[in-house]
Protein backbone atom coordinates (compact mmCIF):
# COMPACT_ATOMS: atom_id res chain seq x y z
CA MET A 1 -22.40 5.07 -46.51
CA SER A 2 -25.45 4.57 -44.31
CA ALA A 3 -25.51 4.88 -40.52
CA VAL A 4 -25.90 1.11 -40.30
CA VAL A 5 -22.67 0.55 -42.22
CA TRP A 6 -20.80 3.12 -40.14
CA THR A 7 -22.04 1.51 -36.92
CA ALA A 8 -21.04 -1.97 -38.06
CA ALA A 9 -17.63 -0.64 -39.13
CA ALA A 10 -17.17 1.02 -35.72
CA SER A 11 -17.99 -2.25 -33.99
CA LEU A 12 -15.46 -4.15 -36.11
CA ALA A 13 -12.82 -1.47 -35.44
CA ALA A 14 -13.52 -1.76 -31.70
CA TRP A 15 -13.04 -5.52 -31.84
CA LEU A 16 -9.78 -5.25 -33.76
CA TRP A 17 -8.53 -2.83 -31.13
CA LEU A 18 -9.65 -5.13 -28.30
CA LEU A 19 -7.98 -8.07 -30.02
CA LEU A 20 -4.58 -6.37 -30.31
CA GLY A 21 -4.53 -3.34 -28.02
CA GLN A 22 -6.15 -4.35 -24.73
CA GLY A 23 -3.33 -6.33 -23.17
CA PHE A 24 -4.26 -9.57 -24.95
CA PHE A 25 -6.97 -9.86 -22.30
CA TRP A 26 -8.47 -12.87 -24.04
CA ARG A 27 -5.46 -15.10 -23.45
CA THR A 28 -5.79 -17.50 -20.53
CA ASP A 29 -2.21 -18.69 -20.17
CA LEU A 30 -1.23 -16.35 -17.32
CA ARG A 31 -0.54 -18.59 -14.32
CA LEU A 32 1.59 -18.14 -11.20
CA PRO A 33 4.96 -16.64 -12.20
CA SER A 34 8.20 -18.62 -12.10
CA ARG A 35 9.10 -19.41 -8.53
CA ARG A 36 11.52 -21.27 -6.31
CA GLU A 37 11.31 -22.33 -2.70
CA PRO A 38 12.76 -19.76 -0.29
CA ASP A 39 15.53 -20.74 2.09
CA THR A 40 13.30 -19.82 5.01
CA TRP A 41 9.53 -20.00 4.76
CA PRO A 42 7.88 -16.88 6.19
CA SER A 43 4.95 -17.06 8.59
CA VAL A 44 1.44 -16.67 7.20
CA CYS A 45 -1.96 -16.02 8.75
CA VAL A 46 -5.03 -17.01 6.78
CA VAL A 47 -8.04 -14.70 7.26
CA VAL A 48 -11.46 -16.05 6.25
CA PRO A 49 -14.49 -13.72 6.57
CA ALA A 50 -17.61 -15.87 6.77
CA ARG A 51 -21.29 -14.94 7.00
CA ASP A 52 -23.87 -17.73 6.80
CA GLU A 53 -21.47 -20.11 5.06
CA ALA A 54 -22.46 -23.43 6.67
CA ALA A 55 -23.50 -24.82 3.29
CA VAL A 56 -20.05 -24.45 1.72
CA LEU A 57 -17.63 -24.70 4.68
CA PRO A 58 -17.48 -28.55 4.63
CA MET A 59 -16.16 -28.32 1.06
CA SER A 60 -13.71 -25.45 1.61
CA LEU A 61 -12.40 -25.20 5.17
CA PRO A 62 -10.84 -28.73 5.25
CA SER A 63 -8.73 -27.72 2.25
CA LEU A 64 -7.25 -24.82 4.26
CA LEU A 65 -6.70 -26.97 7.32
CA ALA A 66 -4.81 -29.46 5.12
CA GLN A 67 -2.33 -26.96 3.68
CA ASP A 68 1.12 -28.49 3.31
CA TYR A 69 3.12 -25.42 4.28
CA PRO A 70 6.69 -25.75 5.58
CA GLY A 71 6.55 -22.54 7.62
CA ARG A 72 4.29 -21.37 10.43
CA ALA A 73 0.69 -20.89 9.34
CA GLU A 74 -2.57 -20.34 11.21
CA ILE A 75 -6.19 -19.78 10.21
CA PHE A 76 -8.48 -17.07 11.58
CA LEU A 77 -12.10 -17.53 10.55
CA VAL A 78 -14.28 -14.53 11.37
CA ASP A 79 -17.91 -15.44 11.91
CA ASP A 80 -19.60 -12.27 10.69
CA GLY A 81 -22.95 -12.42 12.48
CA SER A 82 -24.01 -15.73 10.99
CA SER A 83 -27.40 -17.22 11.78
CA ASP A 84 -26.67 -20.72 10.49
CA GLY A 85 -24.02 -21.90 12.95
CA THR A 86 -21.04 -21.08 10.75
CA GLY A 87 -18.65 -20.58 13.67
CA THR A 88 -19.72 -23.76 15.48
CA LEU A 89 -19.40 -25.78 12.28
CA ALA A 90 -15.92 -24.36 11.63
CA ARG A 91 -14.74 -25.52 15.07
CA ALA A 92 -16.26 -28.95 14.50
CA LEU A 93 -14.52 -29.29 11.14
CA ALA A 94 -11.19 -28.33 12.71
CA ASP A 95 -11.66 -30.92 15.46
CA ARG A 96 -12.54 -33.57 12.88
CA HIS A 97 -9.84 -32.86 10.28
CA GLY A 98 -6.98 -31.43 12.33
CA GLY A 99 -4.23 -29.67 10.41
CA LEU A 100 -3.44 -25.97 10.74
CA PRO A 101 -4.53 -24.25 13.96
CA LEU A 102 -7.91 -22.53 13.70
CA THR A 103 -9.23 -19.57 15.66
CA VAL A 104 -12.85 -18.49 15.26
CA GLY A 105 -13.66 -14.89 16.10
CA SER A 106 -16.67 -12.63 15.87
CA PRO A 107 -16.47 -8.87 15.25
CA GLY A 108 -20.05 -7.83 15.98
CA GLU A 109 -22.06 -5.64 13.62
CA PRO A 110 -20.02 -3.24 11.47
CA PRO A 111 -20.10 0.43 12.45
CA PRO A 112 -21.35 3.06 9.99
CA GLY A 113 -19.05 3.50 7.02
CA TRP A 114 -17.85 -0.11 6.91
CA THR A 115 -18.97 -2.88 4.59
CA GLY A 116 -19.51 -6.08 6.54
CA LYS A 117 -16.85 -8.15 4.81
CA LEU A 118 -14.11 -5.58 5.34
CA TRP A 119 -15.11 -5.15 8.98
CA ALA A 120 -14.71 -8.91 9.37
CA VAL A 121 -11.35 -8.78 7.55
CA ARG A 122 -10.23 -6.01 9.90
CA HIS A 123 -11.10 -8.16 12.89
CA GLY A 124 -9.25 -11.13 11.42
CA ILE A 125 -6.15 -9.06 10.69
CA GLY A 126 -6.31 -7.74 14.24
CA LEU A 127 -6.31 -11.29 15.62
CA ALA A 128 -3.45 -12.23 13.30
CA ARG A 129 -1.33 -9.23 14.22
CA ALA A 130 -0.23 -10.85 17.48
CA ARG A 131 1.47 -13.61 15.46
CA GLU A 132 3.48 -11.02 13.48
CA PRO A 133 3.09 -12.81 10.14
CA ARG A 134 4.94 -11.67 7.04
CA TYR A 135 1.97 -12.52 4.84
CA LEU A 136 -1.80 -12.59 5.09
CA LEU A 137 -3.83 -14.92 2.91
CA LEU A 138 -7.25 -13.34 2.46
CA THR A 139 -9.57 -16.01 1.15
CA ASP A 140 -13.34 -16.39 1.02
CA ALA A 141 -15.27 -19.10 2.80
CA ASP A 142 -16.36 -20.70 -0.48
CA ILE A 143 -12.84 -21.18 -1.86
CA ALA A 144 -11.25 -24.64 -1.88
CA HIS A 145 -7.45 -24.84 -2.12
CA GLU A 146 -5.24 -27.72 -3.16
CA PRO A 147 -2.77 -28.75 -0.41
CA ASP A 148 0.15 -26.88 -2.00
CA SER A 149 -1.78 -23.66 -2.69
CA LEU A 150 -0.29 -21.60 0.14
CA ARG A 151 3.20 -22.89 -0.56
CA GLU A 152 2.98 -21.93 -4.24
CA LEU A 153 1.57 -18.46 -3.53
CA VAL A 154 4.31 -17.64 -1.01
CA ALA A 155 7.04 -19.03 -3.29
CA ALA A 156 5.79 -16.83 -6.14
CA ALA A 157 5.69 -13.71 -3.95
CA GLU A 158 9.12 -14.35 -2.45
CA THR A 159 10.78 -15.18 -5.78
CA ALA A 160 9.44 -12.23 -7.77
CA GLY A 161 9.18 -9.66 -4.99
CA PHE A 162 5.41 -9.19 -5.29
CA GLU A 163 3.62 -7.77 -2.25
CA LEU A 164 0.23 -8.93 -3.50
CA VAL A 165 -0.33 -12.16 -5.40
CA SER A 166 -3.90 -13.01 -6.30
CA LEU A 167 -5.51 -15.89 -8.15
CA MET A 168 -8.87 -15.72 -9.89
CA ALA A 169 -10.43 -18.88 -8.47
CA ARG A 170 -12.15 -21.09 -10.99
CA LEU A 171 -15.86 -20.56 -10.39
CA ARG A 172 -18.31 -23.44 -10.42
CA VAL A 173 -19.76 -24.24 -13.85
CA ALA A 174 -22.38 -26.96 -13.57
CA SER A 175 -25.88 -25.64 -14.30
CA MET A 176 -27.02 -24.34 -17.69
CA TRP A 177 -26.96 -20.73 -16.50
CA GLU A 178 -23.53 -21.12 -14.94
CA ARG A 179 -22.18 -22.37 -18.27
CA LEU A 180 -23.68 -19.41 -20.05
CA VAL A 181 -22.82 -16.64 -17.58
CA VAL A 182 -19.79 -17.59 -15.45
CA PRO A 183 -17.02 -17.82 -18.09
CA ALA A 184 -18.23 -14.50 -19.48
CA PHE A 185 -17.93 -12.95 -16.01
CA VAL A 186 -14.18 -13.68 -15.93
CA TYR A 187 -13.83 -12.72 -19.61
CA PHE A 188 -15.39 -9.30 -18.98
CA PHE A 189 -13.28 -8.83 -15.85
CA ALA A 190 -10.09 -9.51 -17.79
CA GLN A 191 -11.26 -7.12 -20.50
CA LEU A 192 -11.64 -4.35 -17.91
CA TYR A 193 -8.43 -5.24 -16.07
CA PRO A 194 -6.00 -6.96 -18.46
CA PHE A 195 -3.94 -9.25 -16.27
CA ARG A 196 -0.70 -8.52 -18.12
CA TRP A 197 -1.00 -4.82 -17.33
CA ILE A 198 -1.59 -5.36 -13.62
CA ALA A 199 1.95 -6.55 -12.87
CA ARG A 200 3.59 -3.69 -14.79
CA LYS A 201 5.01 -0.90 -12.66
CA ASP A 202 4.34 1.68 -15.38
CA SER A 203 0.66 0.77 -15.64
CA ARG A 204 -2.12 2.23 -13.50
CA THR A 205 -4.23 -0.91 -13.98
CA ALA A 206 -4.74 -2.67 -10.66
CA ALA A 207 -7.05 -5.50 -9.64
CA ALA A 208 -7.22 -8.59 -7.49
CA ALA A 209 -9.65 -11.48 -7.04
CA GLY A 210 -10.99 -11.39 -3.51
CA GLY A 211 -11.30 -15.14 -3.14
CA CYS A 212 -7.53 -15.64 -3.03
CA VAL A 213 -5.20 -12.76 -2.14
CA LEU A 214 -1.77 -13.22 -0.60
CA LEU A 215 -0.79 -9.83 0.86
CA SER A 216 2.36 -8.88 2.69
CA THR A 217 1.68 -7.30 6.07
CA ALA A 218 4.17 -4.53 5.26
CA ALA A 219 2.12 -3.58 2.18
CA ALA A 220 -1.12 -3.79 4.15
CA GLU A 221 0.21 -1.40 6.79
CA ARG A 222 1.66 0.99 4.21
CA ALA A 223 -1.64 1.12 2.31
CA GLY A 224 -3.75 1.31 5.47
CA ILE A 225 -5.60 -1.93 4.67
CA PRO A 226 -8.43 -2.41 5.39
CA ASP A 227 -9.29 0.94 7.02
CA SER A 228 -8.45 2.97 3.92
CA ILE A 229 -10.95 0.97 1.83
CA ARG A 230 -13.63 0.41 4.47
CA HIS A 231 -16.45 1.75 2.25
CA ALA A 232 -15.60 -0.46 -0.73
CA VAL A 233 -18.25 -2.77 -2.13
CA ILE A 234 -15.81 -4.05 -4.78
CA ASP A 235 -13.20 -4.63 -2.10
CA ASP A 236 -10.71 -6.75 -4.06
CA VAL A 237 -10.12 -4.24 -6.86
CA THR A 238 -10.05 -1.35 -4.38
CA LEU A 239 -7.51 -3.21 -2.23
CA ALA A 240 -5.23 -3.84 -5.21
CA LYS A 241 -5.42 -0.18 -6.22
CA ALA A 242 -4.49 0.93 -2.71
CA VAL A 243 -1.49 -1.41 -2.59
CA LYS A 244 -0.23 -0.43 -6.04
CA ARG A 245 -0.77 3.26 -5.34
CA SER A 246 1.37 2.96 -2.19
CA GLY A 247 4.25 1.50 -4.20
CA GLY A 248 3.61 -2.24 -3.88
CA ARG A 249 4.09 -4.67 -6.75
CA ILE A 250 1.00 -6.73 -7.49
CA TRP A 251 0.12 -9.71 -9.68
CA LEU A 252 -3.14 -11.36 -10.75
CA GLY A 253 -3.65 -14.48 -12.81
CA LEU A 254 -5.96 -17.43 -13.37
CA ALA A 255 -5.97 -20.29 -10.89
CA GLU A 256 -5.36 -23.88 -11.80
CA ARG A 257 -6.14 -25.55 -8.49
CA VAL A 258 -8.06 -22.97 -6.49
CA ASP A 259 -11.82 -23.34 -6.96
CA SER A 260 -15.02 -21.74 -5.75
CA VAL A 261 -17.53 -24.27 -4.48
CA ARG A 262 -20.42 -21.80 -4.27
CA PRO A 263 -23.31 -22.83 -6.54
CA TYR A 264 -25.26 -20.39 -8.70
CA PRO A 265 -27.85 -22.81 -10.08
CA GLY A 266 -30.34 -20.29 -11.46
CA LEU A 267 -30.23 -17.07 -13.41
CA GLY A 268 -31.56 -15.18 -10.37
CA ASP A 269 -28.56 -16.26 -8.28
CA LEU A 270 -26.13 -15.04 -10.92
CA TRP A 271 -28.15 -11.89 -11.50
CA ARG A 272 -27.86 -10.93 -7.82
CA MET A 273 -24.13 -11.67 -7.83
CA VAL A 274 -23.50 -9.28 -10.73
CA SER A 275 -26.04 -6.55 -9.98
CA ARG A 276 -24.88 -6.31 -6.37
CA SER A 277 -21.80 -4.34 -7.38
CA ALA A 278 -22.19 -3.45 -11.07
CA TYR A 279 -23.21 0.16 -10.50
CA ALA A 280 -20.50 0.62 -7.87
CA GLN A 281 -18.04 -0.42 -10.60
CA LEU A 282 -19.38 2.55 -12.60
CA ARG A 283 -18.82 4.88 -9.61
CA HIS A 284 -22.56 5.45 -9.29
CA ASN A 285 -22.32 7.85 -12.24
CA PRO A 286 -25.33 7.99 -14.60
CA LEU A 287 -23.20 9.34 -17.46
CA VAL A 288 -20.79 6.41 -17.10
CA LEU A 289 -23.79 4.08 -17.01
CA PHE A 290 -25.12 5.61 -20.23
CA GLY A 291 -21.73 5.26 -21.91
CA THR A 292 -21.41 1.67 -20.69
CA VAL A 293 -24.79 0.71 -22.11
CA LEU A 294 -23.90 2.29 -25.47
CA GLY A 295 -20.48 0.61 -25.43
CA LEU A 296 -21.91 -2.83 -24.65
CA ALA A 297 -24.48 -2.40 -27.41
CA LEU A 298 -21.89 -1.29 -29.97
CA ILE A 299 -19.37 -3.98 -29.14
CA TYR A 300 -21.57 -7.00 -28.42
CA LEU A 301 -25.02 -6.41 -29.92
CA VAL A 302 -24.29 -4.61 -33.18
CA PRO A 303 -22.33 -7.49 -34.82
CA PRO A 304 -25.14 -10.10 -34.79
CA VAL A 305 -27.79 -7.47 -35.57
CA ALA A 306 -25.74 -6.17 -38.54
CA LEU A 307 -25.06 -9.67 -39.84
CA LEU A 308 -28.60 -11.00 -39.51
CA GLY A 309 -30.20 -7.73 -40.60
CA GLY A 310 -27.89 -7.50 -43.61
CA LEU A 311 -28.68 -11.06 -44.64
CA ALA A 312 -32.40 -10.43 -44.23
CA THR A 313 -32.36 -7.24 -46.35
CA GLY A 314 -29.71 -8.28 -48.85
CA SER A 315 -27.28 -5.58 -47.65
CA VAL A 316 -23.87 -7.15 -48.17
CA LEU A 317 -21.57 -4.62 -46.50
CA PRO A 318 -23.28 -4.49 -43.07
CA ALA A 319 -23.53 -8.28 -43.09
CA VAL A 320 -19.81 -8.67 -43.86
CA LEU A 321 -18.73 -6.10 -41.26
CA GLY A 322 -21.05 -7.53 -38.62
CA GLY A 323 -20.00 -11.09 -39.43
CA LEU A 324 -16.29 -10.24 -39.12
CA ALA A 325 -16.85 -8.48 -35.80
CA TRP A 326 -18.86 -11.43 -34.48
CA LEU A 327 -16.11 -13.79 -35.65
CA VAL A 328 -13.41 -11.86 -33.78
CA MET A 329 -15.62 -11.72 -30.69
CA THR A 330 -16.22 -15.46 -30.84
CA ALA A 331 -12.54 -16.25 -31.35
CA THR A 332 -11.49 -14.19 -28.32
CA TYR A 333 -14.03 -15.97 -26.10
CA ILE A 334 -13.02 -19.53 -27.00
CA PRO A 335 -9.86 -19.57 -24.78
CA MET A 336 -11.97 -18.72 -21.71
CA LEU A 337 -14.43 -21.47 -22.55
CA ARG A 338 -11.53 -23.90 -22.86
CA TYR A 339 -10.21 -22.78 -19.48
CA TYR A 340 -13.63 -23.58 -18.01
CA ARG A 341 -13.74 -26.88 -19.95
CA GLN A 342 -16.85 -25.83 -21.83
CA SER A 343 -17.86 -26.40 -25.43
CA ARG A 344 -16.58 -23.85 -27.93
CA TRP A 345 -20.05 -23.83 -29.44
CA LEU A 346 -21.11 -21.56 -26.57
CA ALA A 347 -18.84 -18.82 -27.95
CA PRO A 348 -21.30 -17.45 -30.56
CA LEU A 349 -23.82 -16.94 -27.74
CA LEU A 350 -21.65 -14.25 -26.13
CA PRO A 351 -23.84 -11.40 -27.49
CA PHE A 352 -26.84 -12.86 -25.66
CA THR A 353 -24.81 -13.18 -22.45
CA ALA A 354 -23.56 -9.62 -22.85
CA PHE A 355 -27.16 -8.46 -23.20
CA LEU A 356 -27.94 -10.14 -19.88
CA TYR A 357 -25.00 -8.31 -18.28
CA LEU A 358 -26.28 -5.05 -19.75
CA LEU A 359 -29.65 -5.65 -18.10
CA MET A 360 -27.97 -6.61 -14.81
CA THR A 361 -25.99 -3.37 -14.86
CA VAL A 362 -29.07 -1.27 -15.49
CA ASP A 363 -30.90 -3.15 -12.73
CA SER A 364 -28.00 -2.42 -10.36
CA ALA A 365 -28.46 1.30 -11.03
CA VAL A 366 -32.22 1.06 -10.58
CA GLN A 367 -31.77 -0.66 -7.22
CA HIS A 368 -29.30 2.02 -6.18
CA TYR A 369 -31.70 4.87 -6.94
CA ARG A 370 -34.49 3.05 -5.14
CA GLY A 371 -32.31 3.28 -2.05
CA ARG A 372 -31.54 -0.43 -1.87
CA GLY A 373 -27.87 -0.13 -2.76
CA ALA A 374 -25.62 -3.17 -2.89
CA ALA A 375 -27.21 -6.09 -1.04
CA TRP A 376 -25.35 -9.13 0.22
CA LYS A 377 -26.02 -11.72 2.91
CA GLY A 378 -28.94 -9.77 4.32
CA ARG A 379 -27.08 -6.45 4.43
CA THR A 380 -27.66 -3.45 2.18
CA TYR A 381 -24.98 -0.85 1.48
CA ALA A 382 -26.83 2.13 0.13
CA ARG A 383 -23.91 4.51 0.44
CA PRO A 384 -21.78 4.99 -2.68
CA ASP A 385 -18.27 3.62 -2.65
CA PRO A 386 -16.01 6.69 -2.20
CA ALA A 387 -12.83 4.67 -2.43
CA SER A 388 -13.84 3.54 -5.91
CA ASP A 389 -14.99 7.01 -6.84
CA ARG A 390 -11.51 8.40 -6.31
CA HIS A 391 -9.78 6.03 -8.70
């Protein structure tokens, strides 16, 4: 058989393995585990790192202030050097809406060796420590919660004995590029970190979604959070690994009523979101980058090329193998599109979206070697992520 046939066959074999052997990553039915209300509701402190978030706070902060939580709960918003009046706006929203108590703090510029967000989280946890909470809810400034969100997270953690419960907030899908790129972002994440493996004690797979993480203070202290992960650019996954490595039980699933309100209207906005941390995900390793590019090409690009090329040249076998691989790929993507309430007819376009992610990943490496590193909110982290490199 020709090299084309062997390549198409390898792609189909890879998709059959992904379909059945990668933790059923493509299923989207994993929601908060069975739970019941505890006899006594533990205290919770909500920590919100915020840098230049005035545009989204009016849509997110009121949802935290309005949490219907039976126990003691308090919000600590950390204004991380904002230039747009984030802290002042947060106080004004609290005065207008009432609800949970709000404290606004400011940590100053992060010292060397700290990413800005984790330095802000450290400051928020420090403020919360005086309240001696049993849990910390780490949530981003662009995340809107339904009124029972905190109650449901705590009930799930208390019922099942999880020390970290995280929900992958439903990202905004409104513009054309958001429809094309955002569902694939979560699909690829689940492929890398199958949610069903994360909760298993015998699995090394660990991940969280930084927009919504309920973390017990005991687990945070045992894992040295956030000091032990202070270099991390991909802080949520690194946090989950640290907690699981220290013996904590963790859980991650898809949210039903926790949403990101941050817009990504253009391809450039989404490109920056992905490329900011893509090379850090690969541990800044050129060999891993090379393997990733080959893997993405084999898995996502070979099927349509084999099908269309086979049809164009009259080669039946490559066309059949490529068509079957593309069919399996499309079928596994449809559940994620349904979760995001998008048309299933977007599913065959996944190879094109994967090609965009391939380019974003390469661009992330190029920016790294140009000395620009991971850039976010006006800060650049040129230093590699040693916490990720160790795991």
